C-alpha cells in the first residue's frame, strides 16, 4: 500500500491511473521526447506520445486503449495502428527516460561506432526506432553516476517526493 497524490488516502498500485503517472513528466521530461520510425512510407513517422502532457492530463493513445478495453463492442475502432504506435512509442520513451539507449542485452559483446547521420535522431533501445532526447535538462535534474562516490553511500538512489508534485511545490 502506498500513499499517493498527497491526499492522505492510501491506495494500492492496482488503483493507480494515468493521472498518477502524469507526475513522472515533471521529473523525466516525457513530453519532450520524440520517437521516429526511420523506414516508414506512411504520412506520420514521428511520434510524441506524451506531448499532450505539456497542456493537460490526457493522452489520446491511452484513452483509446481504455475505450477499446472497456467497451469493445462500440469502441473497438479505437484499437488502430496509430494508437498502437503511440503506445509503443510511449513505452520506448518511458524506458529511454530511465535507461537512455542501454538495453542491457546479454548478446551485446562488441563495441561499435554508429556513423549513420542520415537521420537527426539517434538509435533507440533495440535499434529499430530512433529517439530524439530532450536537451532541456537542468544540472540539478541529472543523476550523478560516480560509482566511486555511490558505492560508499548507503542510500544510492535519488528519491522524488511525487506528493509534492501533486501540490505544485516541486
Protein backbone atom coordinates (compact mmCIF):
# COMPACT_ATOMS: atom_id res chain seq x y z
CA UNK A 1 0.00 0.00 0.00
CA UNK A 2 1.29 3.43 -0.93
CA UNK A 3 0.14 6.91 -0.01
CA UNK A 4 -0.27 8.73 -3.29
CA UNK A 5 -1.27 12.16 -4.58
CA UNK A 6 -0.80 13.87 -1.24
CA UNK A 7 -4.42 13.28 -0.29
CA UNK A 8 -3.65 11.22 2.79
CA UNK A 9 -5.54 8.41 1.12
CA UNK A 10 -3.78 5.06 0.93
CA UNK A 11 -4.20 3.31 -2.40
CA UNK A 12 -2.58 0.18 -3.73
CA UNK A 13 -0.75 0.20 -7.06
CA UNK A 14 -3.67 -1.57 -8.74
CA UNK A 15 -5.76 1.56 -8.10
CA UNK A 16 -3.34 3.95 -9.79
CA UNK A 17 -4.36 5.52 -13.09
CA UNK A 18 -2.75 7.55 -15.87
CA UNK A 19 -3.15 10.78 -13.87
CA UNK A 20 -0.91 9.31 -11.18
CA UNK A 21 1.79 8.64 -13.74
CA UNK A 22 1.43 12.13 -15.20
CA UNK A 23 3.67 13.37 -12.40
CA UNK A 24 6.63 11.49 -13.86
CA UNK A 25 6.60 14.02 -16.72
CA UNK A 26 7.88 16.67 -14.31
CA UNK A 27 10.94 14.64 -13.36
CA UNK A 28 11.66 12.85 -16.65
CA UNK A 29 10.56 15.37 -19.33
CA UNK A 30 8.48 12.71 -21.09
CA UNK A 31 6.52 15.32 -23.08
CA UNK A 32 9.73 16.49 -24.80
CA UNK A 33 10.77 13.10 -26.26
CA UNK A 34 10.18 12.27 -29.93
CA UNK A 35 10.24 8.80 -31.45
CA UNK A 36 11.00 8.39 -35.15
CA UNK A 37 10.35 5.33 -37.32
CA UNK A 38 13.28 5.64 -39.74
CA UNK A 39 11.97 3.47 -42.59
CA UNK A 40 8.31 4.37 -42.95
CA UNK A 41 6.35 5.17 -46.08
CA UNK A 42 3.32 6.40 -44.17
CA UNK A 43 2.40 10.01 -43.52
CA UNK A 44 3.30 10.01 -39.84
CA UNK A 45 6.75 8.69 -38.95
CA UNK A 46 7.39 10.76 -35.80
CA UNK A 47 5.53 10.28 -32.53
CA UNK A 48 5.49 12.43 -29.40
CA UNK A 49 3.45 10.14 -27.16
CA UNK A 50 3.48 12.37 -24.06
CA UNK A 51 3.39 15.80 -25.73
CA UNK A 52 -0.23 16.30 -24.62
CA UNK A 53 1.01 16.26 -21.03
CA UNK A 54 2.51 19.70 -21.63
CA UNK A 55 -1.02 21.10 -21.55
CA UNK A 56 -3.29 18.52 -19.85
CA UNK A 57 -3.56 15.14 -18.12
CA UNK A 58 -4.90 13.44 -21.26
CA UNK A 59 -3.17 11.09 -23.71
CA UNK A 60 -5.10 10.25 -26.88
CA UNK A 61 -3.50 6.83 -27.41
CA UNK A 62 -4.03 5.85 -23.77
CA UNK A 63 -7.68 6.95 -23.81
CA UNK A 64 -8.18 4.91 -26.99
CA UNK A 65 -6.67 1.87 -25.26
CA UNK A 66 -9.06 2.24 -22.32
CA UNK A 67 -12.09 2.79 -24.54
CA UNK A 68 -11.37 -0.32 -26.60
CA UNK A 69 -10.58 -2.34 -23.45
CA UNK A 70 -13.75 -1.43 -21.56
CA UNK A 71 -16.25 -1.24 -24.45
CA UNK A 72 -15.05 -3.45 -27.28
CA UNK A 73 -18.44 -3.59 -28.90
CA UNK A 74 -18.70 0.15 -29.52
CA UNK A 75 -15.11 1.35 -29.23
CA UNK A 76 -13.02 -1.32 -30.95
CA UNK A 77 -12.34 1.14 -33.78
CA UNK A 78 -10.01 2.92 -31.33
CA UNK A 79 -7.69 -0.11 -31.48
CA UNK A 80 -5.94 1.13 -34.63
CA UNK A 81 -2.35 1.26 -35.86
CA UNK A 82 -1.81 4.91 -34.95
CA UNK A 83 -2.83 4.34 -31.32
CA UNK A 84 -0.76 1.14 -31.16
CA UNK A 85 2.31 3.01 -32.40
CA UNK A 86 1.60 5.78 -29.88
CA UNK A 87 1.56 3.19 -27.09
CA UNK A 88 4.78 1.56 -28.32
CA UNK A 89 6.42 4.98 -28.59
CA UNK A 90 5.20 5.76 -25.06
CA UNK A 91 6.82 2.61 -23.70
CA UNK A 92 10.07 3.42 -25.50
CA UNK A 93 10.06 6.94 -24.03
CA UNK A 94 9.50 5.60 -20.51
CA UNK A 95 12.36 3.12 -20.82
CA UNK A 96 14.65 5.63 -22.51
CA UNK A 97 13.97 8.33 -19.93
CA UNK A 98 15.35 5.99 -17.30
CA UNK A 99 17.99 3.95 -19.14
CA UNK A 100 18.98 6.05 -22.17
CA UNK A 101 19.84 3.83 -25.12
CA UNK A 102 21.24 1.00 -22.96
CA UNK A 103 19.14 -2.11 -23.48
CA UNK A 104 21.25 -4.35 -21.19
CA UNK A 105 21.20 -7.05 -23.84
CA UNK A 106 23.24 -10.13 -22.93
CA UNK A 107 24.07 -10.55 -26.62
CA UNK A 108 25.95 -7.23 -26.86
CA UNK A 109 29.58 -8.30 -26.74
CA UNK A 110 31.16 -5.88 -29.20
CA UNK A 111 31.78 -2.17 -29.29
CA UNK A 112 30.58 -0.42 -32.41
CA UNK A 113 30.56 3.15 -33.64
CA UNK A 114 27.44 4.42 -35.37
CA UNK A 115 28.25 6.71 -38.27
CA UNK A 116 24.66 6.82 -39.57
CA UNK A 117 23.90 10.53 -39.64
CA UNK A 118 21.17 10.39 -42.27
CA UNK A 119 18.57 10.92 -39.53
CA UNK A 120 18.70 13.71 -36.97
CA UNK A 121 17.74 11.26 -34.22
CA UNK A 122 19.79 8.53 -32.56
CA UNK A 123 19.11 4.81 -32.39
CA UNK A 124 16.81 3.90 -29.51
CA UNK A 125 16.63 0.74 -27.40
CA UNK A 126 16.75 -2.30 -29.65
CA UNK A 127 17.84 -0.25 -32.68
CA UNK A 128 14.54 -0.46 -34.61
CA UNK A 129 13.31 3.02 -33.78
CA UNK A 130 15.10 6.32 -33.31
CA UNK A 131 14.73 8.75 -30.43
CA UNK A 132 15.21 12.48 -30.00
CA UNK A 133 16.12 13.02 -26.35
CA UNK A 134 15.20 16.41 -24.88
CA UNK A 135 18.12 18.72 -24.24
CA UNK A 136 16.46 20.92 -21.65
CA UNK A 137 17.72 19.15 -18.53
CA UNK A 138 18.99 21.40 -15.76
CA UNK A 139 22.14 20.24 -14.00
CA UNK A 140 20.26 19.66 -10.72
CA UNK A 141 17.91 17.25 -12.53
CA UNK A 142 20.65 14.96 -13.77
CA UNK A 143 21.82 11.83 -12.00
CA UNK A 144 25.44 11.64 -10.87
CA UNK A 145 26.69 8.13 -11.56
CA UNK A 146 30.13 8.38 -10.00
CA UNK A 147 30.42 4.82 -8.70
CA UNK A 148 33.44 5.77 -6.60
CA UNK A 149 31.16 8.00 -4.52
CA UNK A 150 27.94 5.99 -4.82
CA UNK A 151 29.40 2.71 -3.56
CA UNK A 152 30.20 4.42 -0.25
CA UNK A 153 26.64 5.68 0.24
CA UNK A 154 24.05 3.59 1.99
CA UNK A 155 21.16 5.13 0.01
CA UNK A 156 22.34 5.34 -3.61
CA UNK A 157 19.15 6.38 -5.35
CA UNK A 158 17.55 9.78 -5.61
CA UNK A 159 14.07 9.79 -4.16
CA UNK A 160 11.42 12.08 -5.58
CA UNK A 161 8.51 13.27 -3.49
CA UNK A 162 5.73 12.86 -6.05
CA UNK A 163 3.21 14.07 -3.47
CA UNK A 164 4.91 17.47 -3.66
CA UNK A 165 4.47 17.43 -7.45
CA UNK A 166 0.73 16.95 -6.98
CA UNK A 167 0.72 20.01 -4.72
CA UNK A 168 2.70 22.00 -7.28
CA UNK A 169 5.57 22.58 -4.83
CA UNK A 170 8.19 20.50 -6.63
